[in-house]
Amino acid sequence: MTETSGLDPEDRKIVTLARSARARNSVPEGAAVRDETGRTYVAGTVALDSLRLSALQTAVAMAVASGATSLEAAAVVTEADTAPEADRAAVRDLGGTGTPILLAGPDGAVHTTLTAG
């Protein structure tokens, strides 16, 4: 059993979606966020010559572009040990300082939960 088995089903869902985005698109990171209505937004890393966004920044941007006014939670599947400040700031801007960010490894096991603050 991975650590995701102890998660709330809705949190487990966004971790699974983030992991799928990473694998499907062969990108360094996959992310998913859940808005105040329970809708989810899934994204991978964007690495164009003219635009660079992390997976989490992209997922937050997708939520905003779709009309979300707040976030309940975010998940990132990455090999990194923590979320960069720019990622936390994007979540904080939409969800507030207490919004949880679940960090999972490529296997989908959550190793850290931090807040956007």
Protein backbone atom coordinates (compact mmCIF):
# COMPACT_ATOMS: atom_id res chain seq x y z
CA MET A 1 0.00 0.00 0.00
CA THR A 2 1.21 3.45 -0.82
CA GLU A 3 0.70 6.49 1.35
CA THR A 4 -2.10 7.59 -0.98
CA SER A 5 -4.31 4.82 0.44
CA GLY A 6 -4.81 6.89 3.61
CA LEU A 7 -5.90 10.00 1.71
CA ASP A 8 -9.39 11.35 1.39
CA PRO A 9 -10.89 9.98 -1.86
CA GLU A 10 -11.00 13.45 -3.44
CA ASP A 11 -7.32 14.04 -2.61
CA ARG A 12 -6.42 10.59 -3.93
CA LYS A 13 -8.25 11.54 -7.15
CA ILE A 14 -6.14 14.66 -7.78
CA VAL A 15 -2.92 12.75 -7.09
CA THR A 16 -3.99 10.10 -9.61
CA LEU A 17 -4.90 12.76 -12.18
CA ALA A 18 -1.55 14.52 -11.69
CA ARG A 19 0.34 11.26 -12.07
CA SER A 20 -1.59 10.44 -15.24
CA ALA A 21 -0.85 13.86 -16.76
CA ARG A 22 2.87 13.41 -16.10
CA ALA A 23 2.96 9.95 -17.65
CA ARG A 24 0.65 10.69 -20.60
CA ASN A 25 2.55 13.78 -21.69
CA SER A 26 6.07 12.59 -20.75
CA VAL A 27 6.74 15.79 -18.80
CA PRO A 28 8.79 16.31 -15.62
CA GLU A 29 5.74 17.17 -13.52
CA GLY A 30 2.01 16.60 -13.51
CA ALA A 31 -0.40 18.59 -11.35
CA ALA A 32 -4.07 18.77 -10.53
CA VAL A 33 -6.08 21.26 -8.51
CA ARG A 34 -9.62 21.08 -7.12
CA ASP A 35 -11.72 24.24 -7.00
CA GLU A 36 -14.39 25.35 -4.53
CA THR A 37 -17.10 23.45 -6.46
CA GLY A 38 -15.15 20.19 -6.66
CA ARG A 39 -14.12 20.58 -10.30
CA THR A 40 -10.61 19.45 -11.15
CA TYR A 41 -8.05 20.91 -13.53
CA VAL A 42 -5.11 18.83 -14.72
CA ALA A 43 -1.90 19.95 -16.39
CA GLY A 44 1.68 19.09 -17.16
CA THR A 45 4.79 21.21 -17.40
CA VAL A 46 4.78 23.76 -20.25
CA ALA A 47 8.22 24.26 -21.79
CA LEU A 48 8.04 26.37 -24.92
CA ASP A 49 10.68 28.77 -26.15
CA SER A 50 8.38 31.68 -25.34
CA LEU A 51 6.56 30.29 -22.27
CA ARG A 52 7.67 28.26 -19.28
CA LEU A 53 5.18 27.21 -16.60
CA SER A 54 5.36 24.50 -14.01
CA ALA A 55 2.59 21.93 -14.00
CA LEU A 56 1.07 23.50 -10.89
CA GLN A 57 1.14 27.01 -12.35
CA THR A 58 -0.55 25.67 -15.48
CA ALA A 59 -3.26 23.87 -13.50
CA VAL A 60 -3.98 27.02 -11.47
CA ALA A 61 -4.13 29.08 -14.68
CA MET A 62 -6.58 26.59 -16.17
CA ALA A 63 -8.77 26.87 -13.07
CA VAL A 64 -8.76 30.67 -13.24
CA ALA A 65 -9.48 30.65 -16.99
CA SER A 66 -12.46 28.37 -16.30
CA GLY A 67 -13.94 30.69 -13.69
CA ALA A 68 -12.76 29.16 -10.43
CA THR A 69 -12.73 31.61 -7.54
CA SER A 70 -10.95 29.47 -4.96
CA LEU A 71 -9.04 26.21 -4.52
CA GLU A 72 -9.60 23.42 -2.03
CA ALA A 73 -6.40 21.45 -2.73
CA ALA A 74 -3.56 20.87 -5.16
CA ALA A 75 -1.36 17.89 -6.01
CA VAL A 76 1.96 17.66 -7.83
CA VAL A 77 3.71 14.51 -9.02
CA THR A 78 7.40 15.26 -9.30
CA GLU A 79 10.85 14.08 -8.38
CA ALA A 80 11.43 17.29 -6.40
CA ASP A 81 11.33 17.30 -2.60
CA THR A 82 9.31 20.48 -2.29
CA ALA A 83 7.22 22.94 -4.29
CA PRO A 84 9.05 26.07 -5.47
CA GLU A 85 7.86 29.40 -4.08
CA ALA A 86 6.40 30.41 -7.47
CA ASP A 87 4.16 27.32 -7.41
CA ARG A 88 3.08 27.95 -3.84
CA ALA A 89 2.37 31.59 -4.72
CA ALA A 90 0.07 30.58 -7.59
CA VAL A 91 -1.92 28.30 -5.28
CA ARG A 92 -1.93 30.96 -2.55
CA ASP A 93 -3.22 33.63 -4.95
CA LEU A 94 -6.33 31.57 -5.73
CA GLY A 95 -6.77 29.37 -2.68
CA GLY A 96 -5.25 31.24 0.23
CA THR A 97 -2.38 30.44 2.56
CA GLY A 98 -3.93 27.31 4.06
CA THR A 99 -4.55 25.48 0.79
CA PRO A 100 -2.88 22.05 1.00
CA ILE A 101 -0.41 20.99 -1.66
CA LEU A 102 0.20 17.25 -1.85
CA LEU A 103 3.64 16.32 -3.18
CA ALA A 104 3.94 12.83 -4.61
CA GLY A 105 6.74 10.94 -6.26
CA PRO A 106 6.48 9.40 -9.73
CA ASP A 107 4.98 6.27 -8.14
CA GLY A 108 2.06 8.37 -6.82
CA ALA A 109 2.99 7.98 -3.16
CA VAL A 110 2.49 11.25 -1.28
CA HIS A 111 5.64 12.08 0.67
CA THR A 112 4.86 15.63 1.81
CA THR A 113 1.81 17.79 2.39
CA LEU A 114 2.50 21.48 2.74
CA THR A 115 0.41 24.61 2.58
CA ALA A 116 0.51 27.39 0.04
CA GLY A 117 1.38 29.89 2.79
